[in-house]
């Protein structure tokens, strides 16, 4: 049961982060919380498939600066794919997806930092 609650809370949190990034006009637009929530679920599914495929191919992305750049590009591509599946989500090209992916990562980092302080 706690896994289901964790997934729902994670999707709601990502939906809220997508709404904030959309309001900042950083290359990503969401028309409301409903599309943001659905986009969060689609992004999670696409990311899971990508990670599974990379593992299946034996590709391991390490840490450090190069690993972060690779994950950033993967995140941007995942955002662009989610744009195709979710009505109400608009990603403005690859550059917009990169900027939005950076903003999403920074917001998630800030949220984790604040939660760790509590």
C-alpha atoms as a PDB file:
ATOM      1  CA  UNK A   1       0.000   0.000   0.000  1.00  0.00           C
ATOM      2  CA  UNK A   2       2.840   2.397   0.780  1.00  0.00           C
ATOM      3  CA  UNK A   3       4.232   1.861  -2.736  1.00  0.00           C
ATOM      4  CA  UNK A   4       0.958   3.029  -4.266  1.00  0.00           C
ATOM      5  CA  UNK A   5       0.893   6.081  -2.015  1.00  0.00           C
ATOM      6  CA  UNK A   6       4.529   6.844  -2.903  1.00  0.00           C
ATOM      7  CA  UNK A   7       3.751   6.645  -6.628  1.00  0.00           C
ATOM      8  CA  UNK A   8       0.710   8.904  -6.275  1.00  0.00           C
ATOM      9  CA  UNK A   9       2.590  11.447  -4.151  1.00  0.00           C
ATOM     10  CA  UNK A  10       5.497  11.381  -6.624  1.00  0.00           C
ATOM     11  CA  UNK A  11       3.154  11.976  -9.565  1.00  0.00           C
ATOM     12  CA  UNK A  12       1.432  14.845  -7.752  1.00  0.00           C
ATOM     13  CA  UNK A  13       4.813  16.349  -6.850  1.00  0.00           C
ATOM     14  CA  UNK A  14       6.095  16.086 -10.432  1.00  0.00           C
ATOM     15  CA  UNK A  15       2.815  17.569 -11.665  1.00  0.00           C
ATOM     16  CA  UNK A  16       3.314  20.543  -9.341  1.00  0.00           C
ATOM     17  CA  UNK A  17       6.935  20.918 -10.469  1.00  0.00           C
ATOM     18  CA  UNK A  18       5.785  20.885 -14.101  1.00  0.00           C
ATOM     19  CA  UNK A  19       3.253  23.604 -13.259  1.00  0.00           C
ATOM     20  CA  UNK A  20       5.968  25.767 -11.652  1.00  0.00           C
ATOM     21  CA  UNK A  21       8.333  25.297 -14.607  1.00  0.00           C
ATOM     22  CA  UNK A  22       5.465  26.139 -16.949  1.00  0.00           C
ATOM     23  CA  UNK A  23       4.762  29.359 -15.066  1.00  0.00           C
ATOM     24  CA  UNK A  24       8.448  30.328 -15.323  1.00  0.00           C
ATOM     25  CA  UNK A  25       8.220  30.147 -19.156  1.00  0.00           C
ATOM     26  CA  UNK A  26      11.335  27.990 -19.493  1.00  0.00           C
ATOM     27  CA  UNK A  27      10.467  26.057 -22.640  1.00  0.00           C
ATOM     28  CA  UNK A  28       7.592  24.028 -21.235  1.00  0.00           C
ATOM     29  CA  UNK A  29       3.902  24.901 -21.136  1.00  0.00           C
ATOM     30  CA  UNK A  30       1.157  23.028 -19.304  1.00  0.00           C
ATOM     31  CA  UNK A  31      -2.469  24.071 -19.616  1.00  0.00           C
ATOM     32  CA  UNK A  32      -3.480  23.004 -16.090  1.00  0.00           C
ATOM     33  CA  UNK A  33      -2.893  20.575 -13.249  1.00  0.00           C
ATOM     34  CA  UNK A  34      -4.790  17.732 -14.965  1.00  0.00           C
ATOM     35  CA  UNK A  35      -2.477  17.655 -17.977  1.00  0.00           C
ATOM     36  CA  UNK A  36       0.515  18.187 -15.661  1.00  0.00           C
ATOM     37  CA  UNK A  37      -0.487  15.153 -13.571  1.00  0.00           C
ATOM     38  CA  UNK A  38      -1.026  13.016 -16.673  1.00  0.00           C
ATOM     39  CA  UNK A  39       2.296  14.266 -18.079  1.00  0.00           C
ATOM     40  CA  UNK A  40       3.999  13.268 -14.819  1.00  0.00           C
ATOM     41  CA  UNK A  41       2.685   9.724 -15.185  1.00  0.00           C
ATOM     42  CA  UNK A  42       3.674   9.573 -18.878  1.00  0.00           C
ATOM     43  CA  UNK A  43       7.155  10.935 -18.079  1.00  0.00           C
ATOM     44  CA  UNK A  44       7.579   8.317 -15.348  1.00  0.00           C
ATOM     45  CA  UNK A  45       6.525   5.493 -17.695  1.00  0.00           C
ATOM     46  CA  UNK A  46       8.759   6.676 -20.557  1.00  0.00           C
ATOM     47  CA  UNK A  47      11.699   7.148 -18.167  1.00  0.00           C
ATOM     48  CA  UNK A  48      11.161   3.666 -16.776  1.00  0.00           C
ATOM     49  CA  UNK A  49      11.157   2.167 -20.265  1.00  0.00           C
ATOM     50  CA  UNK A  50      14.324   4.080 -21.219  1.00  0.00           C
ATOM     51  CA  UNK A  51      16.128   2.973 -18.048  1.00  0.00           C
ATOM     52  CA  UNK A  52      14.984  -0.611 -18.614  1.00  0.00           C
ATOM     53  CA  UNK A  53      16.176  -0.552 -22.247  1.00  0.00           C
ATOM     54  CA  UNK A  54      19.559   0.882 -21.262  1.00  0.00           C
ATOM     55  CA  UNK A  55      19.942  -1.841 -18.638  1.00  0.00           C
ATOM     56  CA  UNK A  56      18.872  -4.486 -21.140  1.00  0.00           C
ATOM     57  CA  UNK A  57      21.548  -3.266 -23.549  1.00  0.00           C
ATOM     58  CA  UNK A  58      24.116  -3.276 -20.760  1.00  0.00           C
ATOM     59  CA  UNK A  59      24.622   0.476 -20.932  1.00  0.00           C
ATOM     60  CA  UNK A  60      25.552   1.992 -17.619  1.00  0.00           C
ATOM     61  CA  UNK A  61      25.656   5.748 -17.219  1.00  0.00           C
ATOM     62  CA  UNK A  62      28.104   6.684 -14.515  1.00  0.00           C
ATOM     63  CA  UNK A  63      28.097   9.648 -12.241  1.00  0.00           C
ATOM     64  CA  UNK A  64      30.053  12.832 -12.442  1.00  0.00           C
ATOM     65  CA  UNK A  65      29.797  15.621 -14.947  1.00  0.00           C
ATOM     66  CA  UNK A  66      29.549  13.426 -18.069  1.00  0.00           C
ATOM     67  CA  UNK A  67      26.896  11.227 -16.467  1.00  0.00           C
ATOM     68  CA  UNK A  68      24.890  14.302 -15.489  1.00  0.00           C
ATOM     69  CA  UNK A  69      25.069  15.633 -19.054  1.00  0.00           C
ATOM     70  CA  UNK A  70      23.922  12.301 -20.472  1.00  0.00           C
ATOM     71  CA  UNK A  71      20.986  12.151 -18.018  1.00  0.00           C
ATOM     72  CA  UNK A  72      20.114  15.739 -18.898  1.00  0.00           C
ATOM     73  CA  UNK A  73      19.900  14.888 -22.603  1.00  0.00           C
ATOM     74  CA  UNK A  74      17.864  11.758 -21.817  1.00  0.00           C
ATOM     75  CA  UNK A  75      15.500  13.851 -19.667  1.00  0.00           C
ATOM     76  CA  UNK A  76      15.073  16.383 -22.472  1.00  0.00           C
ATOM     77  CA  UNK A  77      14.255  13.617 -24.967  1.00  0.00           C
ATOM     78  CA  UNK A  78      11.758  12.101 -22.505  1.00  0.00           C
ATOM     79  CA  UNK A  79      10.056  15.511 -22.180  1.00  0.00           C
ATOM     80  CA  UNK A  80       9.857  15.764 -25.966  1.00  0.00           C
ATOM     81  CA  UNK A  81       8.280  12.293 -26.190  1.00  0.00           C
ATOM     82  CA  UNK A  82       5.777  13.164 -23.440  1.00  0.00           C
ATOM     83  CA  UNK A  83       4.826  16.241 -25.475  1.00  0.00           C
ATOM     84  CA  UNK A  84       3.615  13.902 -28.235  1.00  0.00           C
ATOM     85  CA  UNK A  85       1.367  11.874 -25.908  1.00  0.00           C
ATOM     86  CA  UNK A  86      -0.161  14.451 -23.562  1.00  0.00           C
ATOM     87  CA  UNK A  87      -2.651  17.008 -24.798  1.00  0.00           C
ATOM     88  CA  UNK A  88      -2.040  20.236 -22.909  1.00  0.00           C
ATOM     89  CA  UNK A  89       1.740  19.782 -22.640  1.00  0.00           C
ATOM     90  CA  UNK A  90       3.887  21.763 -25.070  1.00  0.00           C
ATOM     91  CA  UNK A  91       7.684  21.563 -25.206  1.00  0.00           C
ATOM     92  CA  UNK A  92       9.341  24.256 -27.296  1.00  0.00           C
ATOM     93  CA  UNK A  93      12.022  22.307 -29.162  1.00  0.00           C
ATOM     94  CA  UNK A  94      15.102  20.542 -27.876  1.00  0.00           C
ATOM     95  CA  UNK A  95      16.559  23.688 -26.300  1.00  0.00           C
ATOM     96  CA  UNK A  96      13.313  24.307 -24.431  1.00  0.00           C
ATOM     97  CA  UNK A  97      13.323  20.690 -23.272  1.00  0.00           C
ATOM     98  CA  UNK A  98      16.920  21.034 -22.012  1.00  0.00           C
ATOM     99  CA  UNK A  99      16.119  24.223 -20.094  1.00  0.00           C
ATOM    100  CA  UNK A 100      12.945  22.673 -18.666  1.00  0.00           C
ATOM    101  CA  UNK A 101      14.861  19.511 -17.664  1.00  0.00           C
ATOM    102  CA  UNK A 102      17.430  21.643 -15.815  1.00  0.00           C
ATOM    103  CA  UNK A 103      14.652  23.581 -14.069  1.00  0.00           C
ATOM    104  CA  UNK A 104      12.865  20.366 -13.078  1.00  0.00           C
ATOM    105  CA  UNK A 105      16.115  18.916 -11.704  1.00  0.00           C
ATOM    106  CA  UNK A 106      16.849  22.078  -9.705  1.00  0.00           C
ATOM    107  CA  UNK A 107      13.321  22.171  -8.251  1.00  0.00           C
ATOM    108  CA  UNK A 108      13.523  18.488  -7.297  1.00  0.00           C
ATOM    109  CA  UNK A 109      16.902  19.126  -5.659  1.00  0.00           C
ATOM    110  CA  UNK A 110      15.451  22.040  -3.677  1.00  0.00           C
ATOM    111  CA  UNK A 111      12.447  19.973  -2.585  1.00  0.00           C
ATOM    112  CA  UNK A 112      14.693  17.100  -1.438  1.00  0.00           C
ATOM    113  CA  UNK A 113      16.915  19.565   0.417  1.00  0.00           C
ATOM    114  CA  UNK A 114      13.961  21.149   2.226  1.00  0.00           C
ATOM    115  CA  UNK A 115      12.473  17.758   3.102  1.00  0.00           C
ATOM    116  CA  UNK A 116      15.853  16.612   4.474  1.00  0.00           C
ATOM    117  CA  UNK A 117      15.916  19.655   6.756  1.00  0.00           C
ATOM    118  CA  UNK A 118      12.556  18.672   8.299  1.00  0.00           C
END
